[in-house]
Amino acid sequence: AVTRYMLQKLFGPDVAQVTSDGSILFIDLPANMVGSFLMGWFGVVFKADITRVSEFLAIGLSTGYLGSLTTFSGWNQKMLDLSADGQWLYAVLGFLFGLFLSAYSIILGVETAKGFRWLLRRRASSSEEKKQSCLKANTYKRNIMSMIIMLTLLMAFLIVSATELVKEFDKGTSKAQLWLGCLVAAPGVWIRWFLARLNGRGLGKNGQYLRWVPFGTLIANVAAASVMAALATLKKSVDTPTCNTVASGVQFGLLGCLSTVSTFMAEFNAMRESDYPWRAYAYAFFTIAVSFAMGTIIYSAPVG
């Protein structure tokens, strides 16, 4: 979440002036591209190698860090805002542009990671291979140590976030939204990780229908996008500094981490390279269409 915030600021109107809220180059596009590129490295090509060292570390990097670095709900929300302002063409182009750049970011990541792996294998000596083999044991002790380190880092960061939030909350700044978002980000990841067990199960009594659809990721993205649209409507209706800070913090942290583009693109790329490439485009279109339709319906609902 912090990396996503930094990329927003770096490429946003205040620094590089590449992205903005009112264009098809939406504010979260760089984070989605960087996350998708890194997913090609650590979530596809080198995932098996990382898993041999620690399964927790592999899940933490792919589902945790890269899944939270990217955000589908934020992307969908920016396109909803454009459509609400009457800029329907920009909204459509924003979806197409975002999908194209994120898809090719993961392709570039996969190809460069394969090239790097080839260089490593070419230069590796037999002695180095023996040393590496010692690191491939996915032992119980190593997993427990990884969990302890990650939990310690999480608790330390939560303390820092809470301390900074107390300082910034009354000011209603973007930093207040950031630190509140950091406090509620982890549950979003955990919910998405829990939903991931629905991927590959299919529908029907024995799961014989649509087994190829990753329903866990689909539910996470659509649900996060819908709740984010509801909170955006709430902010416009209430329009107070406290409401804006709390709602924006939940949008950025909890919902931004509940939804994901990097995993979405990894699934899209896997389907595209399968024997049924049409599934990739059907999956992407359905996710985007349903999320956008739900957001539009929520925007259209009267608020008393």
Protein backbone atom coordinates (compact mmCIF):
# COMPACT_ATOMS: atom_id res chain seq x y z
CA ALA A 1 0.00 0.00 0.00
CA VAL A 2 2.85 2.38 0.80
CA THR A 3 4.57 1.54 -2.49
CA ARG A 4 1.33 2.23 -4.34
CA TYR A 5 1.02 5.59 -2.57
CA MET A 6 4.61 6.50 -3.49
CA LEU A 7 4.03 5.61 -7.14
CA GLN A 8 0.85 7.69 -7.14
CA LYS A 9 2.82 10.70 -5.89
CA LEU A 10 5.83 10.09 -8.16
CA PHE A 11 3.88 9.86 -11.42
CA GLY A 12 1.00 12.10 -10.35
CA PRO A 13 0.33 15.80 -10.97
CA ASP A 14 2.69 16.99 -8.22
CA VAL A 15 5.92 15.44 -9.56
CA ALA A 16 6.19 13.76 -12.98
CA GLN A 17 2.72 14.89 -14.14
CA VAL A 18 2.14 11.69 -16.10
CA THR A 19 -1.07 10.49 -14.45
CA SER A 20 -4.15 12.26 -13.13
CA ASP A 21 -7.68 11.52 -11.95
CA GLY A 22 -9.28 13.05 -15.03
CA SER A 23 -7.50 11.15 -17.82
CA ILE A 24 -7.17 7.64 -19.18
CA LEU A 25 -3.71 7.59 -17.57
CA PHE A 26 -5.34 7.08 -14.18
CA ILE A 27 -3.46 7.56 -10.93
CA ASP A 28 -2.98 3.83 -10.16
CA LEU A 29 -1.77 2.86 -13.64
CA PRO A 30 1.98 2.91 -12.75
CA ALA A 31 1.38 0.73 -9.69
CA ASN A 32 -0.65 -1.74 -11.74
CA MET A 33 2.08 -1.91 -14.37
CA VAL A 34 4.95 -2.29 -11.89
CA GLY A 35 3.04 -4.89 -9.88
CA SER A 36 2.14 -6.89 -12.98
CA PHE A 37 5.75 -6.77 -14.21
CA LEU A 38 7.07 -8.02 -10.85
CA MET A 39 4.37 -10.68 -10.75
CA GLY A 40 5.91 -12.08 -13.93
CA TRP A 41 9.16 -12.46 -12.01
CA PHE A 42 8.17 -13.57 -8.52
CA GLY A 43 4.65 -14.87 -9.07
CA VAL A 44 5.26 -16.86 -12.26
CA VAL A 45 8.86 -17.62 -13.28
CA PHE A 46 10.59 -17.74 -9.88
CA LYS A 47 7.57 -18.71 -7.77
CA ALA A 48 8.53 -22.39 -7.58
CA ASP A 49 12.09 -21.50 -6.52
CA ILE A 50 10.83 -19.16 -3.80
CA THR A 51 8.34 -21.77 -2.62
CA ARG A 52 11.17 -24.28 -2.14
CA VAL A 53 12.80 -21.82 0.24
CA SER A 54 9.57 -20.85 2.03
CA GLU A 55 5.96 -21.29 1.01
CA PHE A 56 5.01 -18.39 3.29
CA LEU A 57 7.48 -16.12 1.53
CA ALA A 58 6.10 -17.08 -1.88
CA ILE A 59 2.53 -16.31 -0.77
CA GLY A 60 3.66 -13.11 0.95
CA LEU A 61 5.38 -11.81 -2.20
CA SER A 62 2.69 -12.74 -4.74
CA THR A 63 -0.64 -12.63 -2.90
CA GLY A 64 0.52 -10.17 -0.24
CA TYR A 65 2.90 -7.58 -1.63
CA LEU A 66 2.25 -7.67 -5.38
CA GLY A 67 -1.48 -8.29 -4.98
CA SER A 68 -1.74 -5.22 -2.73
CA LEU A 69 0.59 -3.05 -4.79
CA THR A 70 -1.95 -3.24 -7.62
CA THR A 71 -5.61 -2.36 -7.28
CA PHE A 72 -8.54 -3.23 -9.51
CA SER A 73 -11.10 -1.33 -7.44
CA GLY A 74 -9.12 1.91 -7.71
CA TRP A 75 -8.89 1.47 -11.48
CA ASN A 76 -12.61 0.79 -11.76
CA GLN A 77 -13.44 3.77 -9.54
CA LYS A 78 -11.49 6.23 -11.68
CA MET A 79 -13.33 5.04 -14.76
CA LEU A 80 -16.65 5.37 -12.90
CA ASP A 81 -15.76 8.95 -12.01
CA LEU A 82 -15.01 9.71 -15.66
CA SER A 83 -18.32 8.24 -16.79
CA ALA A 84 -20.18 10.15 -14.06
CA ASP A 85 -18.68 13.36 -15.49
CA GLY A 86 -20.00 12.41 -18.93
CA GLN A 87 -16.62 11.32 -20.30
CA TRP A 88 -17.73 7.87 -21.43
CA LEU A 89 -15.15 7.63 -24.20
CA TYR A 90 -12.32 8.28 -21.74
CA ALA A 91 -13.77 5.64 -19.42
CA VAL A 92 -13.82 2.98 -22.16
CA LEU A 93 -10.34 3.95 -23.34
CA GLY A 94 -9.12 3.89 -19.73
CA PHE A 95 -10.25 0.29 -19.33
CA LEU A 96 -8.73 -0.76 -22.66
CA PHE A 97 -5.50 1.14 -22.04
CA GLY A 98 -5.17 -0.17 -18.50
CA LEU A 99 -5.79 -3.75 -19.58
CA PHE A 100 -3.35 -3.52 -22.48
CA LEU A 101 -0.50 -1.99 -20.46
CA SER A 102 -0.98 -4.29 -17.46
CA ALA A 103 -1.17 -7.38 -19.69
CA TYR A 104 2.01 -6.48 -21.53
CA SER A 105 3.72 -5.58 -18.28
CA ILE A 106 3.35 -9.14 -17.00
CA ILE A 107 4.40 -10.52 -20.41
CA LEU A 108 7.53 -8.34 -20.24
CA GLY A 109 8.12 -9.51 -16.69
CA VAL A 110 7.85 -13.17 -17.62
CA GLU A 111 10.14 -12.83 -20.64
CA THR A 112 12.83 -10.83 -18.80
CA ALA A 113 12.69 -13.23 -15.84
CA LYS A 114 13.16 -16.19 -18.17
CA GLY A 115 16.15 -14.43 -19.72
CA PHE A 116 17.64 -13.73 -16.30
CA ARG A 117 17.12 -17.34 -15.24
CA TRP A 118 18.87 -18.52 -18.41
CA LEU A 119 21.85 -16.29 -17.58
CA LEU A 120 21.98 -17.63 -14.04
CA ARG A 121 21.94 -21.25 -15.20
CA ARG A 122 24.60 -20.57 -17.81
CA ARG A 123 26.96 -18.94 -15.34
CA ALA A 124 26.30 -21.23 -12.40
CA SER A 125 29.06 -23.67 -11.56
CA SER A 126 28.52 -27.09 -10.07
CA SER A 127 29.69 -25.88 -6.66
CA GLU A 128 27.20 -23.04 -6.69
CA GLU A 129 24.43 -25.44 -7.64
CA LYS A 130 25.26 -27.56 -4.60
CA LYS A 131 25.07 -24.47 -2.38
CA GLN A 132 21.71 -23.54 -3.86
CA SER A 133 20.37 -27.03 -3.28
CA CYS A 134 20.92 -26.51 0.43
CA LEU A 135 18.46 -23.61 0.35
CA LYS A 136 15.67 -25.56 -1.33
CA ALA A 137 14.38 -27.36 1.74
CA ASN A 138 10.96 -25.97 2.58
CA THR A 139 11.32 -26.98 6.22
CA TYR A 140 8.89 -26.41 9.06
CA LYS A 141 11.52 -24.45 10.99
CA ARG A 142 12.19 -22.12 8.06
CA ASN A 143 8.48 -21.50 7.56
CA ILE A 144 7.98 -20.69 11.24
CA MET A 145 10.93 -18.29 11.17
CA SER A 146 9.49 -16.57 8.09
CA MET A 147 6.13 -16.22 9.81
CA ILE A 148 7.69 -14.75 12.97
CA ILE A 149 9.72 -12.21 10.98
CA MET A 150 6.70 -11.15 8.91
CA LEU A 151 4.44 -10.84 11.96
CA THR A 152 7.08 -8.77 13.77
CA LEU A 153 7.39 -6.45 10.77
CA LEU A 154 3.60 -6.21 10.53
CA MET A 155 3.19 -5.27 14.20
CA ALA A 156 6.00 -2.69 13.97
CA PHE A 157 4.45 -1.13 10.90
CA LEU A 158 0.97 -1.06 12.45
CA ILE A 159 2.39 0.79 15.45
CA VAL A 160 4.09 3.32 13.18
CA SER A 161 0.88 3.73 11.14
CA ALA A 162 -1.24 4.29 14.25
CA THR A 163 1.23 6.84 15.62
CA GLU A 164 1.34 8.79 12.36
CA LEU A 165 -2.45 8.61 11.98
CA VAL A 166 -2.95 10.28 15.36
CA LYS A 167 -0.73 13.15 14.20
CA GLU A 168 -2.38 13.60 10.80
CA PHE A 169 -6.05 12.65 11.30
CA ASP A 170 -7.40 16.07 12.27
CA LYS A 171 -5.62 17.68 9.31
CA GLY A 172 -7.56 15.55 6.81
CA THR A 173 -4.54 15.22 4.51
CA SER A 174 -3.65 12.45 2.07
CA LYS A 175 -1.11 11.24 4.65
CA ALA A 176 -3.93 10.65 7.11
CA GLN A 177 -5.69 8.56 4.47
CA LEU A 178 -2.44 6.68 3.84
CA TRP A 179 -1.83 5.75 7.49
CA LEU A 180 -5.47 4.79 8.06
CA GLY A 181 -5.29 2.73 4.88
CA CYS A 182 -2.19 0.94 6.19
CA LEU A 183 -4.04 0.03 9.40
CA VAL A 184 -6.89 -1.65 7.51
CA ALA A 185 -4.90 -3.00 4.54
CA ALA A 186 -3.96 -6.40 5.98
CA PRO A 187 -7.56 -7.67 6.41
CA GLY A 188 -8.13 -6.96 2.71
CA VAL A 189 -5.23 -9.25 1.81
CA TRP A 190 -6.41 -11.95 4.19
CA ILE A 191 -9.94 -11.91 2.73
CA ARG A 192 -8.53 -12.15 -0.80
CA TRP A 193 -6.26 -15.03 0.24
CA PHE A 194 -9.25 -16.80 1.80
CA LEU A 195 -11.33 -16.31 -1.36
CA ALA A 196 -8.48 -17.67 -3.50
CA ARG A 197 -9.44 -21.20 -2.45
CA LEU A 198 -12.48 -20.83 -4.72
CA ASN A 199 -10.20 -20.57 -7.77
CA GLY A 200 -10.40 -23.69 -9.91
CA ARG A 201 -13.35 -25.22 -8.07
CA GLY A 202 -15.98 -24.48 -10.70
CA LEU A 203 -19.74 -24.56 -10.35
CA GLY A 204 -22.21 -27.39 -10.03
CA LYS A 205 -22.43 -30.40 -7.78
CA ASN A 206 -18.98 -31.70 -8.63
CA GLY A 207 -17.55 -28.42 -9.91
CA GLN A 208 -17.82 -29.57 -13.50
CA TYR A 209 -18.89 -26.18 -14.88
CA LEU A 210 -16.58 -23.20 -15.48
CA ARG A 211 -13.70 -24.74 -13.58
CA TRP A 212 -11.35 -22.47 -15.52
CA VAL A 213 -12.83 -19.32 -13.98
CA PRO A 214 -10.92 -18.05 -10.89
CA PHE A 215 -14.05 -17.23 -8.91
CA GLY A 216 -12.09 -16.17 -5.83
CA THR A 217 -10.27 -13.37 -7.65
CA LEU A 218 -13.46 -12.45 -9.51
CA ILE A 219 -15.46 -12.11 -6.29
CA ALA A 220 -12.69 -10.12 -4.59
CA ASN A 221 -12.40 -7.62 -7.45
CA VAL A 222 -16.13 -7.15 -8.03
CA ALA A 223 -16.91 -6.88 -4.31
CA ALA A 224 -14.12 -4.38 -3.67
CA ALA A 225 -15.12 -2.28 -6.70
CA SER A 226 -18.77 -2.24 -5.57
CA VAL A 227 -18.01 -1.23 -1.98
CA MET A 228 -15.58 1.43 -3.21
CA ALA A 229 -18.33 2.93 -5.38
CA ALA A 230 -20.67 2.92 -2.37
CA LEU A 231 -18.09 4.75 -0.25
CA ALA A 232 -17.53 7.29 -3.04
CA THR A 233 -21.27 7.97 -3.03
CA LEU A 234 -21.21 8.28 0.76
CA LYS A 235 -18.37 10.83 0.62
CA LYS A 236 -20.30 13.00 -1.83
CA SER A 237 -23.45 12.79 0.30
CA VAL A 238 -21.92 13.48 3.73
CA ASP A 239 -19.02 15.68 2.56
CA THR A 240 -17.23 16.22 5.86
CA PRO A 241 -13.45 16.06 6.48
CA THR A 242 -13.78 13.13 8.89
CA CYS A 243 -15.99 11.13 6.53
CA ASN A 244 -13.68 11.83 3.61
CA THR A 245 -10.60 10.74 5.57
CA VAL A 246 -12.17 7.52 6.90
CA ALA A 247 -13.85 6.55 3.63
CA SER A 248 -10.75 7.34 1.56
CA GLY A 249 -8.55 5.40 3.98
CA VAL A 250 -10.80 2.34 3.71
CA GLN A 251 -10.89 2.69 -0.08
CA PHE A 252 -7.11 2.97 -0.35
CA GLY A 253 -6.20 0.33 2.22
CA LEU A 254 -8.85 -2.33 2.73
CA LEU A 255 -10.45 -2.24 -0.72
CA GLY A 256 -7.25 -1.46 -2.59
CA CYS A 257 -5.67 -4.57 -1.10
CA LEU A 258 -8.78 -6.72 -1.38
CA SER A 259 -8.79 -6.19 -5.14
CA THR A 260 -5.81 -6.96 -7.35
CA VAL A 261 -4.58 -6.44 -10.89
CA SER A 262 -1.32 -8.43 -10.69
CA THR A 263 -3.09 -11.71 -9.89
CA PHE A 264 -5.82 -10.81 -12.38
CA MET A 265 -3.15 -10.36 -15.07
CA ALA A 266 -1.34 -13.58 -14.08
CA GLU A 267 -4.60 -15.47 -14.58
CA PHE A 268 -5.30 -13.57 -17.80
CA ASN A 269 -1.85 -14.42 -19.16
CA ALA A 270 -2.15 -18.11 -18.20
CA MET A 271 -5.48 -18.37 -20.02
CA ARG A 272 -4.09 -16.51 -23.02
CA GLU A 273 -1.26 -19.05 -23.32
CA SER A 274 -3.58 -22.05 -22.86
CA ASP A 275 -5.37 -24.06 -25.54
CA TYR A 276 -8.37 -21.75 -25.11
CA PRO A 277 -7.06 -18.17 -25.35
CA TRP A 278 -10.58 -16.78 -25.72
CA ARG A 279 -11.12 -17.51 -22.05
CA ALA A 280 -8.65 -14.75 -21.09
CA TYR A 281 -10.65 -12.08 -22.89
CA ALA A 282 -13.99 -13.44 -21.68
CA TYR A 283 -12.72 -13.42 -18.09
CA ALA A 284 -11.32 -9.88 -18.37
CA PHE A 285 -14.44 -8.52 -20.08
CA PHE A 286 -16.80 -10.13 -17.54
CA THR A 287 -14.81 -8.82 -14.56
CA ILE A 288 -14.64 -5.28 -15.92
CA ALA A 289 -18.25 -5.22 -17.18
CA VAL A 290 -19.79 -6.53 -13.95
CA SER A 291 -17.68 -4.24 -11.75
CA PHE A 292 -18.48 -1.18 -13.84
CA ALA A 293 -22.18 -2.07 -14.03
CA MET A 294 -22.40 -2.53 -10.26
CA GLY A 295 -20.66 0.78 -9.70
CA THR A 296 -22.98 2.55 -12.13
CA ILE A 297 -26.05 1.13 -10.39
CA ILE A 298 -24.71 2.24 -6.99
CA TYR A 299 -23.96 5.71 -8.35
CA SER A 300 -27.50 5.92 -9.70
CA ALA A 301 -29.14 5.01 -6.37
CA PRO A 302 -30.76 7.97 -4.58
CA VAL A 303 -29.04 8.97 -1.35
CA GLY A 304 -31.24 10.49 1.32
